[in-house]
């Protein structure tokens, strides 16, 4: 049960983060550079949620049972 919950939390975090990745892609239409895009991605909390999401999924799928 806890394993399924961690997978669902991880999927929600990753989808929330990827939504902001796609939203920030609109900066290119305004004429911003790739450097500014990467700065925006790595300084906003919403886009950094992809790392805990990947960790939750990885941990729940590959955790060794003792």
C-alpha atoms as a PDB file:
ATOM      1  CA  UNK A   1       0.000   0.000   0.000  1.00  0.00           C
ATOM      2  CA  UNK A   2       2.779   2.418   0.933  1.00  0.00           C
ATOM      3  CA  UNK A   3       4.631   1.527  -2.267  1.00  0.00           C
ATOM      4  CA  UNK A   4       1.645   2.506  -4.421  1.00  0.00           C
ATOM      5  CA  UNK A   5       1.269   5.766  -2.497  1.00  0.00           C
ATOM      6  CA  UNK A   6       4.925   6.667  -3.096  1.00  0.00           C
ATOM      7  CA  UNK A   7       4.573   5.921  -6.809  1.00  0.00           C
ATOM      8  CA  UNK A   8       1.467   8.125  -7.049  1.00  0.00           C
ATOM      9  CA  UNK A   9       3.181  10.973  -5.200  1.00  0.00           C
ATOM     10  CA  UNK A  10       6.197  10.647  -7.503  1.00  0.00           C
ATOM     11  CA  UNK A  11       4.021  10.719 -10.625  1.00  0.00           C
ATOM     12  CA  UNK A  12       2.180  13.805  -9.375  1.00  0.00           C
ATOM     13  CA  UNK A  13       5.421  15.637  -8.577  1.00  0.00           C
ATOM     14  CA  UNK A  14       6.946  14.810 -11.954  1.00  0.00           C
ATOM     15  CA  UNK A  15       3.843  15.836 -13.912  1.00  0.00           C
ATOM     16  CA  UNK A  16       3.564  19.092 -11.947  1.00  0.00           C
ATOM     17  CA  UNK A  17       7.213  19.860 -12.630  1.00  0.00           C
ATOM     18  CA  UNK A  18       7.030  18.989 -16.331  1.00  0.00           C
ATOM     19  CA  UNK A  19       4.027  21.292 -16.684  1.00  0.00           C
ATOM     20  CA  UNK A  20       6.239  24.189 -15.608  1.00  0.00           C
ATOM     21  CA  UNK A  21       9.047  23.050 -17.924  1.00  0.00           C
ATOM     22  CA  UNK A  22       6.608  23.350 -20.819  1.00  0.00           C
ATOM     23  CA  UNK A  23       5.257  26.681 -19.580  1.00  0.00           C
ATOM     24  CA  UNK A  24       8.768  28.120 -19.407  1.00  0.00           C
ATOM     25  CA  UNK A  25       9.366  27.032 -23.010  1.00  0.00           C
ATOM     26  CA  UNK A  26       7.221  30.026 -23.958  1.00  0.00           C
ATOM     27  CA  UNK A  27      10.169  32.232 -22.992  1.00  0.00           C
ATOM     28  CA  UNK A  28      11.734  31.311 -26.336  1.00  0.00           C
ATOM     29  CA  UNK A  29       8.830  32.951 -28.179  1.00  0.00           C
ATOM     30  CA  UNK A  30       9.595  36.181 -26.338  1.00  0.00           C
ATOM     31  CA  UNK A  31      13.194  36.131 -27.536  1.00  0.00           C
ATOM     32  CA  UNK A  32      15.009  34.872 -24.453  1.00  0.00           C
ATOM     33  CA  UNK A  33      18.100  32.681 -24.777  1.00  0.00           C
ATOM     34  CA  UNK A  34      18.767  29.122 -23.646  1.00  0.00           C
ATOM     35  CA  UNK A  35      20.864  30.465 -20.765  1.00  0.00           C
ATOM     36  CA  UNK A  36      17.946  32.450 -19.389  1.00  0.00           C
ATOM     37  CA  UNK A  37      15.677  29.424 -19.813  1.00  0.00           C
ATOM     38  CA  UNK A  38      18.048  27.216 -17.824  1.00  0.00           C
ATOM     39  CA  UNK A  39      18.373  29.913 -15.163  1.00  0.00           C
ATOM     40  CA  UNK A  40      14.598  30.047 -14.813  1.00  0.00           C
ATOM     41  CA  UNK A  41      14.335  26.269 -14.571  1.00  0.00           C
ATOM     42  CA  UNK A  42      17.058  25.799 -11.975  1.00  0.00           C
ATOM     43  CA  UNK A  43      15.982  28.676  -9.738  1.00  0.00           C
ATOM     44  CA  UNK A  44      12.261  27.976  -9.411  1.00  0.00           C
ATOM     45  CA  UNK A  45      10.969  25.544  -6.838  1.00  0.00           C
ATOM     46  CA  UNK A  46       8.256  24.115  -9.092  1.00  0.00           C
ATOM     47  CA  UNK A  47      10.689  22.769 -11.650  1.00  0.00           C
ATOM     48  CA  UNK A  48      13.006  21.306  -9.023  1.00  0.00           C
ATOM     49  CA  UNK A  49      10.215  19.020  -7.791  1.00  0.00           C
ATOM     50  CA  UNK A  50      11.153  16.591 -10.541  1.00  0.00           C
ATOM     51  CA  UNK A  51      14.063  15.305  -8.439  1.00  0.00           C
ATOM     52  CA  UNK A  52      12.018  14.210  -5.398  1.00  0.00           C
ATOM     53  CA  UNK A  53       9.460  12.722  -7.778  1.00  0.00           C
ATOM     54  CA  UNK A  54      12.102  10.602  -9.476  1.00  0.00           C
ATOM     55  CA  UNK A  55      13.473   9.616  -6.071  1.00  0.00           C
ATOM     56  CA  UNK A  56      10.052   8.481  -4.813  1.00  0.00           C
ATOM     57  CA  UNK A  57       9.457   6.329  -7.866  1.00  0.00           C
ATOM     58  CA  UNK A  58      12.999   4.921  -7.926  1.00  0.00           C
ATOM     59  CA  UNK A  59      12.931   4.176  -4.220  1.00  0.00           C
ATOM     60  CA  UNK A  60       9.579   2.438  -4.322  1.00  0.00           C
ATOM     61  CA  UNK A  61      10.417   0.298  -7.357  1.00  0.00           C
ATOM     62  CA  UNK A  62      13.971  -0.730  -6.529  1.00  0.00           C
ATOM     63  CA  UNK A  63      14.035  -0.771  -2.736  1.00  0.00           C
ATOM     64  CA  UNK A  64      15.344  -4.065  -1.409  1.00  0.00           C
ATOM     65  CA  UNK A  65      13.081  -5.958   0.938  1.00  0.00           C
ATOM     66  CA  UNK A  66      14.784  -7.440   3.958  1.00  0.00           C
END
